[in-house]
Amino acid sequence: MKKVEADQLSYKGLSMDTSNYNQSLTTKLYVIAGVLFATYGSRVCPMLESLTALETFTQVSIVFVLLWLTRRYLLAQHALVEQGRFAQLDTLLFFAASVPFALYYNLIYEFTIVSNMKVLFGMSLFGFFTGAILQLNAKLRQMDRMEMTGQFDFQLSGERSSLVKQMISLVVILLVTLTTMLTMIAVKDTFWLEHNPDRFLDGTGKMSVIKELIYLAIVLGGYAITIMTLWSQLIKRILLSQEHALSKVTNGEQGVRLPIFFYNELGSMASMTNTMLDYLEITQNEVKTTRDVAIVSLCALAESRDNETGAHILRTQEYVKVLAEELSKSKTHSSLLTPNYIELLYKSAPLHDVGKVGIPDHILLKPGKLTDEEFEIMKSHPAIGAEALSIAEKQLGSSSFLSVAKEISLTHHEKWNGSGYPNQLSGEDIPLSGRLMALADVYDALISKRVYKEAFSHEKARAIILEGKGHHFDPTVVDAFLTVEEKFVSIAATYQDG
């Protein structure tokens, strides 16, 4: 299996190939960060009222254009890009750009230390938010490609990370960011109001401070909500993907395993589940082998006393399988006829006449027509087979295989109109397994040569089955037969009597 590198799902970095790099989204996020930063400086921060909006936007635009060019052309092959650690890369890049930017404001406009710190901290924060969004978006895009190609990682790789620690770290960062920003604003605005007492007295200073707090709350809240939304989408996708895999396993698809996207708590649980599924598959295969040996042995015993050949057993189980697969397409039967149940039908079908071992030879092997008394004895073979399988069930414990085999043995001679044997069941009181086996058994008897009859053609057998629709056979089973009758012909040709 092709492995996908495991990684961390947070600001620490997401492991992915560089094809996940989204230049369009990167440009948009850089533009948004630049506009928000310039808007704060030109319209929100009261200390920059001496600067015009044009000056502020021009200065910020120059810085962010240089940032974008550096990111696009000088850092395209950086190790952090190859590792997909966009948050770390953008945070460092924005911080590096903020240093000369803060020095410029300090030298030209005599910014205070707190204001310079706000430039450094604010730009670094924009870098972190931008990178974090890029990382999460890149991982979602990577998951899209994995789901489209079906190439997942099913084993752990890389270093262990913790979702819980990542979540706590992100919450701590947001809290520290909020606290730091509020502290800086409080110190800066207090200093500003002390040097502008007239703004305090006329109330405009108060409004400026409130406007600044609201603006920062909206910006920080918007970024936080975006990151948490992307993160929740990522976790949801992982859980849904693993739930989908488990659903397939539940429906009998043994080879399915849970995909592993990260080496964290979810990845570790998926890995342990896969290990468990591996052991279960091995155990189940061993049980199936034992079951198949038992079926072959019982069938060989039944064949040794019956005129019917082993080819009859092979043909009838194939007939039952194609009928069941066809019926599984309908809403009425899809819930019962799962792949696992169809497999049980296929494996259990050979035991439909195992009860014939209890029929005396002079009746079982009689070449001519049976008398009424002999036929009554012959009609007991379904119950004999079911009783034998019931004894096995009591001794070995109940299993779906024994249950289905007993059901088929007991009911495959029942008829839709209630005239069958041994219990004169009718309609849907007859288990579906018995209804399927009834048609398969009769069809094969019709097309096979016996000491008392020649083999009928498929067309004649088909006509007899159509006559029995709604009387001998379940109408829906007959309809399924008509749909797959070419497969019946093919099966008969493949497994011919020796």
Protein backbone atom coordinates (compact mmCIF):
# COMPACT_ATOMS: atom_id res chain seq x y z
CA MET A 1 0.00 0.00 0.00
CA LYS A 2 1.13 3.48 -0.75
CA LYS A 3 1.91 5.31 2.49
CA VAL A 4 1.05 8.89 3.19
CA GLU A 5 3.26 10.69 5.68
CA ALA A 6 1.70 11.08 9.11
CA ASP A 7 1.85 14.52 10.64
CA GLN A 8 0.62 17.05 13.14
CA LEU A 9 -2.67 18.87 12.73
CA SER A 10 -1.91 22.28 14.19
CA TYR A 11 0.33 25.29 14.07
CA LYS A 12 3.21 22.85 14.62
CA GLY A 13 2.90 21.83 10.99
CA LEU A 14 1.08 19.49 8.65
CA SER A 15 3.11 16.90 6.73
CA MET A 16 2.23 16.99 3.05
CA ASP A 17 3.77 17.25 -0.39
CA THR A 18 4.32 20.64 -1.94
CA SER A 19 1.58 20.02 -4.47
CA ASN A 20 -0.80 20.99 -1.68
CA TYR A 21 0.49 24.56 -1.90
CA ASN A 22 -2.39 26.79 -2.95
CA GLN A 23 -0.99 29.93 -4.57
CA SER A 24 -4.41 31.48 -5.13
CA LEU A 25 -5.45 31.11 -1.49
CA THR A 26 -2.03 32.31 -0.32
CA THR A 27 -2.38 35.51 -2.35
CA LYS A 28 -5.90 36.13 -1.05
CA LEU A 29 -4.85 35.64 2.58
CA TYR A 30 -1.86 37.95 2.16
CA VAL A 31 -4.11 40.61 0.65
CA ILE A 32 -6.63 40.22 3.49
CA ALA A 33 -3.86 40.48 6.10
CA GLY A 34 -2.45 43.58 4.41
CA VAL A 35 -5.83 45.29 4.15
CA LEU A 36 -6.70 44.53 7.78
CA PHE A 37 -3.31 45.72 9.00
CA ALA A 38 -3.49 48.92 6.93
CA THR A 39 -7.09 49.58 7.98
CA TYR A 40 -6.07 49.30 11.61
CA GLY A 41 -3.23 51.75 11.12
CA SER A 42 -5.18 54.27 9.05
CA ARG A 43 -8.68 54.11 10.50
CA VAL A 44 -8.56 52.51 13.92
CA CYS A 45 -5.36 53.25 15.86
CA PRO A 46 -5.68 56.79 17.33
CA MET A 47 -1.90 57.23 17.56
CA LEU A 48 -1.56 57.23 13.78
CA GLU A 49 -4.03 60.02 13.15
CA SER A 50 -1.15 62.20 11.97
CA LEU A 51 -0.73 59.86 8.98
CA THR A 52 -3.12 59.97 6.06
CA ALA A 53 -4.92 56.81 4.93
CA LEU A 54 -3.02 56.98 1.64
CA GLU A 55 0.34 57.06 3.42
CA THR A 56 -0.51 54.14 5.65
CA PHE A 57 -1.95 51.99 2.88
CA THR A 58 1.01 52.77 0.63
CA GLN A 59 3.56 51.81 3.27
CA VAL A 60 1.73 48.63 4.26
CA SER A 61 1.15 47.68 0.62
CA ILE A 62 4.87 47.95 -0.14
CA VAL A 63 5.71 45.71 2.83
CA PHE A 64 3.11 43.08 1.98
CA VAL A 65 3.99 43.03 -1.72
CA LEU A 66 7.61 42.38 -0.75
CA LEU A 67 6.38 39.69 1.63
CA TRP A 68 4.37 38.00 -1.10
CA LEU A 69 7.24 38.16 -3.60
CA THR A 70 9.61 36.67 -1.05
CA ARG A 71 7.15 33.92 -0.20
CA ARG A 72 6.39 33.15 -3.83
CA TYR A 73 9.83 33.27 -5.41
CA LEU A 74 12.53 33.03 -2.73
CA LEU A 75 10.95 30.52 -0.33
CA ALA A 76 9.20 28.25 -2.82
CA GLN A 77 11.74 25.46 -2.21
CA HIS A 78 12.24 26.07 1.51
CA ALA A 79 12.27 23.01 3.77
CA LEU A 80 9.25 24.29 5.68
CA VAL A 81 7.30 24.46 2.42
CA GLU A 82 8.27 20.90 1.53
CA GLN A 83 7.19 19.78 5.00
CA GLY A 84 3.95 21.74 4.72
CA ARG A 85 4.66 23.72 7.88
CA PHE A 86 3.08 26.86 6.53
CA ALA A 87 2.16 28.40 9.89
CA GLN A 88 5.75 28.36 11.08
CA LEU A 89 7.03 29.67 7.76
CA ASP A 90 4.55 32.55 7.49
CA THR A 91 4.93 33.51 11.14
CA LEU A 92 8.72 33.77 10.78
CA LEU A 93 8.41 35.60 7.48
CA PHE A 94 5.93 38.17 8.82
CA PHE A 95 8.05 38.67 11.95
CA ALA A 96 11.19 39.20 9.84
CA ALA A 97 9.36 41.83 7.79
CA SER A 98 7.94 43.54 10.89
CA VAL A 99 11.39 44.32 12.32
CA PRO A 100 12.53 46.83 9.66
CA PHE A 101 8.92 48.06 9.38
CA ALA A 102 8.85 48.88 13.11
CA LEU A 103 12.28 50.51 12.90
CA TYR A 104 11.05 52.65 10.02
CA TYR A 105 8.08 53.90 12.06
CA ASN A 106 10.32 54.43 15.08
CA LEU A 107 12.82 56.53 13.15
CA ILE A 108 10.43 58.46 10.93
CA TYR A 109 7.40 58.91 13.22
CA GLU A 110 9.00 58.38 16.64
CA PHE A 111 6.77 55.46 17.63
CA THR A 112 6.76 54.47 21.27
CA ILE A 113 8.14 51.08 22.35
CA VAL A 114 4.60 49.77 22.88
CA SER A 115 3.59 50.82 19.35
CA ASN A 116 6.68 49.16 17.91
CA MET A 117 5.85 46.01 19.85
CA LYS A 118 2.35 46.13 18.40
CA VAL A 119 3.80 46.18 14.89
CA LEU A 120 6.05 43.21 15.66
CA PHE A 121 3.37 41.24 17.49
CA GLY A 122 0.54 42.16 15.12
CA MET A 123 2.34 41.19 11.94
CA SER A 124 3.61 37.94 13.49
CA LEU A 125 0.05 37.14 14.52
CA PHE A 126 -1.23 37.77 10.99
CA GLY A 127 1.51 35.45 9.74
CA PHE A 128 0.47 32.72 12.14
CA PHE A 129 -3.23 32.98 11.27
CA THR A 130 -2.46 33.05 7.53
CA GLY A 131 -0.17 30.02 7.75
CA ALA A 132 -2.53 28.04 9.97
CA ILE A 133 -5.40 28.51 7.50
CA LEU A 134 -3.12 27.48 4.62
CA GLN A 135 -2.03 24.35 6.49
CA LEU A 136 -5.52 23.18 7.29
CA ASN A 137 -6.78 23.95 3.80
CA ALA A 138 -3.83 22.07 2.30
CA LYS A 139 -4.59 19.02 4.42
CA LEU A 140 -8.24 19.06 3.35
CA ARG A 141 -7.14 19.23 -0.29
CA GLN A 142 -4.77 16.35 0.31
CA MET A 143 -7.58 14.28 1.81
CA ASP A 144 -9.71 15.06 -1.27
CA ARG A 145 -7.00 13.64 -3.51
CA MET A 146 -6.55 10.58 -1.32
CA GLU A 147 -10.27 9.84 -1.40
CA MET A 148 -10.42 10.33 -5.17
CA THR A 149 -7.48 8.00 -5.83
CA GLY A 150 -8.22 5.59 -2.99
CA GLN A 151 -4.57 5.73 -1.91
CA PHE A 152 -4.53 5.84 1.89
CA ASP A 153 -2.01 5.10 4.58
CA PHE A 154 -3.02 2.17 6.77
CA GLN A 155 0.00 2.15 9.07
CA LEU A 156 1.48 4.67 11.46
CA SER A 157 4.56 6.62 10.41
CA GLY A 158 6.43 9.68 11.56
CA GLU A 159 6.48 11.05 15.09
CA ARG A 160 3.56 10.88 17.50
CA SER A 161 1.61 14.09 18.05
CA SER A 162 -1.37 14.77 20.26
CA LEU A 163 -4.67 16.25 19.16
CA VAL A 164 -5.46 17.20 22.74
CA LYS A 165 -2.17 19.03 23.19
CA GLN A 166 -2.61 20.75 19.84
CA MET A 167 -6.06 21.95 20.78
CA ILE A 168 -4.83 23.18 24.16
CA SER A 169 -1.87 24.90 22.48
CA LEU A 170 -4.12 26.70 20.03
CA VAL A 171 -6.47 27.85 22.80
CA VAL A 172 -3.48 29.07 24.83
CA ILE A 173 -2.14 30.98 21.81
CA LEU A 174 -5.50 32.66 21.29
CA LEU A 175 -5.75 33.57 24.98
CA VAL A 176 -2.18 34.89 25.09
CA THR A 177 -2.82 36.83 21.90
CA LEU A 178 -5.98 38.40 23.28
CA THR A 179 -4.35 39.23 26.62
CA THR A 180 -1.24 40.68 24.99
CA MET A 181 -3.23 42.76 22.53
CA LEU A 182 -5.50 44.11 25.26
CA THR A 183 -2.50 44.95 27.44
CA MET A 184 -0.74 46.73 24.61
CA ILE A 185 -3.87 48.65 23.71
CA ALA A 186 -4.44 49.63 27.32
CA VAL A 187 -0.86 50.87 27.75
CA LYS A 188 -0.75 52.61 24.36
CA ASP A 189 -4.14 54.27 24.67
CA THR A 190 -3.47 55.35 28.22
CA PHE A 191 -0.23 56.98 27.05
CA TRP A 192 -2.10 58.57 24.12
CA LEU A 193 -4.91 59.94 26.32
CA GLU A 194 -2.37 61.37 28.79
CA HIS A 195 -0.82 63.36 25.98
CA ASN A 196 -4.19 64.32 24.46
CA PRO A 197 -6.34 65.39 27.45
CA ASP A 198 -8.70 67.34 25.23
CA ARG A 199 -9.70 64.10 23.45
CA PHE A 200 -10.50 62.58 26.82
CA LEU A 201 -12.63 65.53 27.87
CA ASP A 202 -14.72 65.77 24.69
CA GLY A 203 -15.35 62.00 24.62
CA THR A 204 -13.75 61.30 21.22
CA GLY A 205 -10.86 59.51 22.91
CA LYS A 206 -13.23 57.08 24.57
CA MET A 207 -14.91 56.31 21.26
CA SER A 208 -11.53 55.74 19.60
CA VAL A 209 -10.52 53.22 22.27
CA ILE A 210 -13.87 51.39 22.00
CA LYS A 211 -13.62 51.35 18.19
CA GLU A 212 -10.12 49.85 18.43
CA LEU A 213 -11.27 47.13 20.83
CA ILE A 214 -14.25 46.21 18.66
CA TYR A 215 -12.11 46.08 15.51
CA LEU A 216 -9.53 43.79 17.08
CA ALA A 217 -12.23 41.57 18.55
CA ILE A 218 -13.83 41.15 15.12
CA VAL A 219 -10.50 40.44 13.38
CA LEU A 220 -9.21 38.00 16.00
CA GLY A 221 -12.61 36.35 16.30
CA GLY A 222 -12.89 35.97 12.53
CA TYR A 223 -9.51 34.30 12.22
CA ALA A 224 -10.16 32.07 15.24
CA ILE A 225 -13.56 30.95 13.90
CA THR A 226 -12.06 30.24 10.46
CA ILE A 227 -9.26 28.11 11.92
CA MET A 228 -11.58 26.20 14.26
CA THR A 229 -14.06 25.61 11.43
CA LEU A 230 -11.35 24.20 9.16
CA TRP A 231 -10.03 22.07 12.00
CA SER A 232 -13.48 20.70 12.81
CA GLN A 233 -14.02 19.90 9.11
CA LEU A 234 -10.74 18.01 9.08
CA ILE A 235 -11.58 15.97 12.18
CA LYS A 236 -15.08 15.31 10.85
CA ARG A 237 -13.66 14.07 7.55
CA ILE A 238 -11.31 11.71 9.36
CA LEU A 239 -14.07 10.31 11.56
CA LEU A 240 -16.49 9.92 8.65
CA SER A 241 -13.83 8.20 6.55
CA GLN A 242 -13.08 5.75 9.36
CA GLU A 243 -16.80 5.24 10.05
CA HIS A 244 -17.33 4.47 6.36
CA ALA A 245 -14.54 1.88 6.49
CA LEU A 246 -15.99 0.26 9.62
CA SER A 247 -19.40 0.17 7.95
CA LYS A 248 -17.90 -1.81 5.08
CA VAL A 249 -16.27 -4.22 7.53
CA THR A 250 -19.62 -4.64 9.30
CA ASN A 251 -21.19 -5.54 5.96
CA GLY A 252 -18.68 -8.31 5.42
CA GLU A 253 -15.88 -6.69 3.41
CA GLN A 254 -12.97 -8.31 5.21
CA GLY A 255 -10.13 -6.58 3.37
CA VAL A 256 -11.19 -3.04 4.33
CA ARG A 257 -9.00 -1.17 6.81
CA LEU A 258 -9.29 2.23 8.49
CA PRO A 259 -7.27 5.00 6.79
CA ILE A 260 -4.67 6.75 8.94
CA PHE A 261 -4.16 10.43 8.25
CA PHE A 262 -2.09 11.48 11.28
CA TYR A 263 -0.01 9.81 13.95
CA ASN A 264 -2.10 11.01 16.87
CA GLU A 265 -4.88 9.66 19.08
CA LEU A 266 -7.20 9.03 16.12
CA GLY A 267 -4.41 7.52 14.06
CA SER A 268 -3.34 5.28 16.93
CA MET A 269 -6.93 4.05 17.43
CA ALA A 270 -7.24 3.37 13.70
CA SER A 271 -3.94 1.48 13.71
CA MET A 272 -5.00 -0.70 16.66
CA THR A 273 -8.36 -1.31 14.98
CA ASN A 274 -6.56 -2.39 11.81
CA THR A 275 -4.38 -4.78 13.80
CA MET A 276 -7.50 -6.21 15.41
CA LEU A 277 -9.14 -6.58 12.00
CA ASP A 278 -6.03 -8.38 10.71
CA TYR A 279 -6.23 -10.92 13.53
CA LEU A 280 -9.99 -11.26 13.08
CA GLU A 281 -9.55 -11.91 9.37
CA ILE A 282 -6.96 -14.60 10.07
CA THR A 283 -9.20 -16.21 12.67
CA GLN A 284 -12.25 -15.95 10.43
CA ASN A 285 -10.34 -17.54 7.55
CA GLU A 286 -9.36 -20.42 9.81
CA VAL A 287 -12.99 -20.86 10.88
CA LYS A 288 -14.13 -20.71 7.25
CA THR A 289 -11.58 -23.35 6.31
CA THR A 290 -12.83 -25.61 9.08
CA ARG A 291 -16.40 -24.95 8.00
CA ASP A 292 -15.62 -25.71 4.37
CA VAL A 293 -13.93 -28.97 5.34
CA ALA A 294 -17.03 -29.94 7.32
CA ILE A 295 -19.29 -29.07 4.37
CA VAL A 296 -17.20 -31.08 1.93
CA SER A 297 -17.19 -34.05 4.32
CA LEU A 298 -20.94 -33.97 4.84
CA CYS A 299 -21.59 -33.51 1.14
CA ALA A 300 -19.30 -36.42 0.33
CA LEU A 301 -21.26 -38.51 2.79
CA ALA A 302 -24.57 -37.53 1.20
CA GLU A 303 -23.20 -38.14 -2.32
CA SER A 304 -22.03 -41.61 -1.38
CA ARG A 305 -25.65 -42.62 -0.81
CA ASP A 306 -27.41 -40.68 -3.54
CA ASN A 307 -27.66 -40.91 -7.29
CA GLU A 308 -27.07 -37.18 -7.58
CA THR A 309 -23.52 -36.12 -8.39
CA GLY A 310 -21.15 -33.59 -6.89
CA ALA A 311 -21.75 -31.42 -9.92
CA HIS A 312 -25.38 -31.00 -8.78
CA ILE A 313 -24.13 -29.54 -5.52
CA LEU A 314 -21.77 -27.16 -7.30
CA ARG A 315 -24.43 -26.03 -9.76
CA THR A 316 -27.13 -25.41 -7.17
CA GLN A 317 -24.90 -23.33 -4.93
CA GLU A 318 -23.90 -21.22 -7.93
CA TYR A 319 -27.58 -20.81 -8.91
CA VAL A 320 -28.45 -19.69 -5.39
CA LYS A 321 -25.62 -17.18 -5.41
CA VAL A 322 -26.58 -15.48 -8.69
CA LEU A 323 -30.24 -15.37 -7.65
CA ALA A 324 -29.33 -13.81 -4.30
CA GLU A 325 -27.04 -11.25 -5.92
CA GLU A 326 -29.81 -10.24 -8.31
CA LEU A 327 -32.39 -9.95 -5.54
CA SER A 328 -29.98 -7.91 -3.40
CA LYS A 329 -30.42 -5.07 -5.89
CA SER A 330 -34.03 -4.57 -4.77
CA LYS A 331 -34.92 -2.48 -1.73
CA THR A 332 -37.07 -5.30 -0.37
CA HIS A 333 -34.19 -7.73 0.02
CA SER A 334 -31.08 -5.52 0.14
CA SER A 335 -30.99 -5.34 3.94
CA LEU A 336 -30.89 -9.15 4.27
CA LEU A 337 -28.88 -10.07 1.19
CA THR A 338 -25.60 -8.47 2.22
CA PRO A 339 -22.33 -9.79 0.75
CA ASN A 340 -21.72 -11.67 3.99
CA TYR A 341 -25.16 -13.32 3.97
CA ILE A 342 -24.86 -14.25 0.29
CA GLU A 343 -21.55 -15.92 1.15
CA LEU A 344 -23.33 -17.88 3.88
CA LEU A 345 -26.02 -18.95 1.40
CA TYR A 346 -23.36 -20.04 -1.07
CA LYS A 347 -21.48 -22.09 1.51
CA SER A 348 -24.62 -23.56 3.11
CA ALA A 349 -26.45 -24.53 -0.10
CA PRO A 350 -24.54 -27.83 -0.60
CA LEU A 351 -26.10 -29.16 2.61
CA HIS A 352 -29.68 -28.84 1.37
CA ASP A 353 -30.05 -32.62 0.89
CA VAL A 354 -27.80 -33.80 3.72
CA GLY A 355 -30.88 -35.38 5.31
CA LYS A 356 -30.95 -38.00 2.56
CA VAL A 357 -28.35 -39.96 4.52
CA GLY A 358 -31.28 -41.01 6.75
CA ILE A 359 -33.38 -42.39 3.88
CA PRO A 360 -33.17 -46.18 3.29
CA ASP A 361 -31.27 -47.26 0.18
CA HIS A 362 -34.22 -49.09 -1.38
CA ILE A 363 -36.09 -45.80 -1.50
CA LEU A 364 -33.24 -43.37 -2.09
CA LEU A 365 -31.75 -45.41 -4.95
CA LYS A 366 -34.98 -46.70 -6.47
CA PRO A 367 -34.80 -46.13 -10.27
CA GLY A 368 -38.53 -45.94 -10.80
CA LYS A 369 -41.37 -43.89 -9.42
CA LEU A 370 -41.84 -44.04 -5.66
CA THR A 371 -45.02 -45.34 -4.12
CA ASP A 372 -47.07 -43.05 -1.89
CA GLU A 373 -45.66 -44.73 1.21
CA GLU A 374 -42.09 -44.46 -0.10
CA PHE A 375 -42.59 -40.83 -1.04
CA GLU A 376 -43.80 -40.06 2.50
CA ILE A 377 -40.54 -41.50 3.80
CA MET A 378 -38.56 -39.53 1.21
CA LYS A 379 -40.34 -36.34 2.32
CA SER A 380 -38.77 -36.72 5.74
CA HIS A 381 -35.25 -35.92 4.51
CA PRO A 382 -35.57 -32.13 5.03
CA ALA A 383 -36.47 -32.67 8.69
CA ILE A 384 -33.71 -35.28 9.12
CA GLY A 385 -31.13 -32.85 7.74
CA ALA A 386 -32.40 -29.98 9.88
CA GLU A 387 -32.34 -32.19 12.99
CA ALA A 388 -28.77 -33.28 12.30
CA LEU A 389 -27.67 -29.68 11.89
CA SER A 390 -29.58 -28.73 15.06
CA ILE A 391 -27.62 -31.35 16.99
CA ALA A 392 -24.39 -29.90 15.60
CA GLU A 393 -25.58 -26.44 16.62
CA LYS A 394 -26.23 -27.61 20.19
CA GLN A 395 -22.85 -29.31 20.42
CA LEU A 396 -20.75 -26.61 18.75
CA GLY A 397 -22.77 -23.52 19.62
CA SER A 398 -25.02 -21.43 17.44
CA SER A 399 -23.53 -19.91 14.29
CA SER A 400 -24.92 -18.07 11.31
CA PHE A 401 -23.61 -20.82 9.03
CA LEU A 402 -25.38 -23.66 10.86
CA SER A 403 -28.52 -21.58 11.16
CA VAL A 404 -28.70 -20.87 7.42
CA ALA A 405 -27.79 -24.46 6.51
CA LYS A 406 -30.55 -25.79 8.78
CA GLU A 407 -33.01 -23.28 7.31
CA ILE A 408 -32.21 -24.32 3.74
CA SER A 409 -32.36 -28.02 4.55
CA LEU A 410 -35.74 -27.75 6.26
CA THR A 411 -37.55 -25.43 3.84
CA HIS A 412 -36.22 -25.98 0.30
CA HIS A 413 -39.16 -28.28 -0.54
CA GLU A 414 -41.82 -25.87 0.74
CA LYS A 415 -43.99 -24.22 -1.94
CA TRP A 416 -45.27 -20.66 -2.27
CA ASN A 417 -48.91 -21.82 -2.21
CA GLY A 418 -48.44 -23.96 0.93
CA SER A 419 -48.57 -27.37 -0.76
CA GLY A 420 -44.95 -28.28 -0.07
CA TYR A 421 -43.34 -30.26 2.74
CA PRO A 422 -42.54 -30.93 5.52
CA ASN A 423 -44.47 -28.10 7.25
CA GLN A 424 -46.72 -26.74 4.45
CA LEU A 425 -45.38 -23.22 4.85
CA SER A 426 -46.58 -20.63 2.36
CA GLY A 427 -45.59 -17.23 1.01
CA GLU A 428 -43.09 -15.24 3.00
CA ASP A 429 -43.42 -17.64 5.93
CA ILE A 430 -40.90 -19.65 3.94
CA PRO A 431 -37.42 -18.21 4.62
CA LEU A 432 -35.85 -16.53 1.62
CA SER A 433 -32.99 -19.03 1.71
CA GLY A 434 -35.47 -21.88 1.22
CA ARG A 435 -37.27 -20.05 -1.59
CA LEU A 436 -34.00 -19.51 -3.44
CA MET A 437 -32.91 -23.11 -2.97
CA ALA A 438 -36.31 -24.40 -4.15
CA LEU A 439 -35.94 -22.86 -7.58
CA ALA A 440 -32.25 -23.75 -7.90
CA ASP A 441 -32.90 -27.38 -6.91
CA VAL A 442 -35.87 -27.84 -9.26
CA TYR A 443 -34.11 -26.19 -12.20
CA ASP A 444 -31.09 -28.44 -11.82
CA ALA A 445 -33.25 -31.54 -11.45
CA LEU A 446 -35.04 -30.61 -14.67
CA ILE A 447 -31.92 -30.09 -16.79
CA SER A 448 -30.12 -33.16 -15.37
CA LYS A 449 -30.36 -36.71 -16.59
CA ARG A 450 -31.74 -39.23 -14.14
CA VAL A 451 -32.29 -43.00 -14.33
CA TYR A 452 -35.99 -42.30 -14.63
CA LYS A 453 -35.81 -39.33 -17.09
CA GLU A 454 -33.76 -37.60 -19.76
CA ALA A 455 -32.33 -34.12 -19.25
CA PHE A 456 -34.68 -31.28 -20.21
CA SER A 457 -33.50 -28.31 -22.24
CA HIS A 458 -33.13 -24.92 -20.60
CA GLU A 459 -36.17 -23.68 -22.50
CA LYS A 460 -38.36 -26.51 -21.21
CA ALA A 461 -37.07 -26.08 -17.65
CA ARG A 462 -37.72 -22.34 -17.95
CA ALA A 463 -41.29 -22.96 -19.08
CA ILE A 464 -41.96 -25.33 -16.15
CA ILE A 465 -40.60 -22.78 -13.70
CA LEU A 466 -42.78 -20.06 -15.21
CA GLU A 467 -45.81 -22.34 -14.76
CA GLY A 468 -44.88 -22.66 -11.11
CA LYS A 469 -44.61 -18.89 -10.53
CA GLY A 470 -46.89 -17.97 -7.65
CA HIS A 471 -47.67 -21.65 -7.01
CA HIS A 472 -44.45 -23.53 -6.43
CA PHE A 473 -42.06 -20.58 -6.49
CA ASP A 474 -41.84 -17.09 -5.05
CA PRO A 475 -42.75 -14.72 -7.93
CA THR A 476 -39.87 -12.37 -7.14
CA VAL A 477 -37.41 -15.27 -7.22
CA VAL A 478 -38.79 -16.33 -10.61
CA ASP A 479 -38.39 -12.76 -11.88
CA ALA A 480 -34.79 -12.78 -10.69
CA PHE A 481 -34.27 -16.12 -12.46
CA LEU A 482 -35.54 -14.65 -15.73
CA THR A 483 -33.08 -11.79 -15.38
CA VAL A 484 -30.07 -14.06 -14.81
CA GLU A 485 -31.11 -17.12 -16.80
CA GLU A 486 -28.10 -16.78 -19.11
CA LYS A 487 -25.90 -17.19 -16.06
CA PHE A 488 -27.82 -20.36 -15.19
CA VAL A 489 -27.05 -21.73 -18.65
CA SER A 490 -23.38 -20.81 -18.25
CA ILE A 491 -23.19 -22.46 -14.81
CA ALA A 492 -24.80 -25.65 -16.14
CA ALA A 493 -22.25 -25.77 -18.96
CA THR A 494 -19.34 -25.19 -16.62
CA TYR A 495 -20.23 -27.82 -14.01
CA GLN A 496 -21.38 -30.78 -16.08
CA ASP A 497 -21.94 -34.27 -14.69
CA GLY A 498 -18.92 -36.47 -15.08
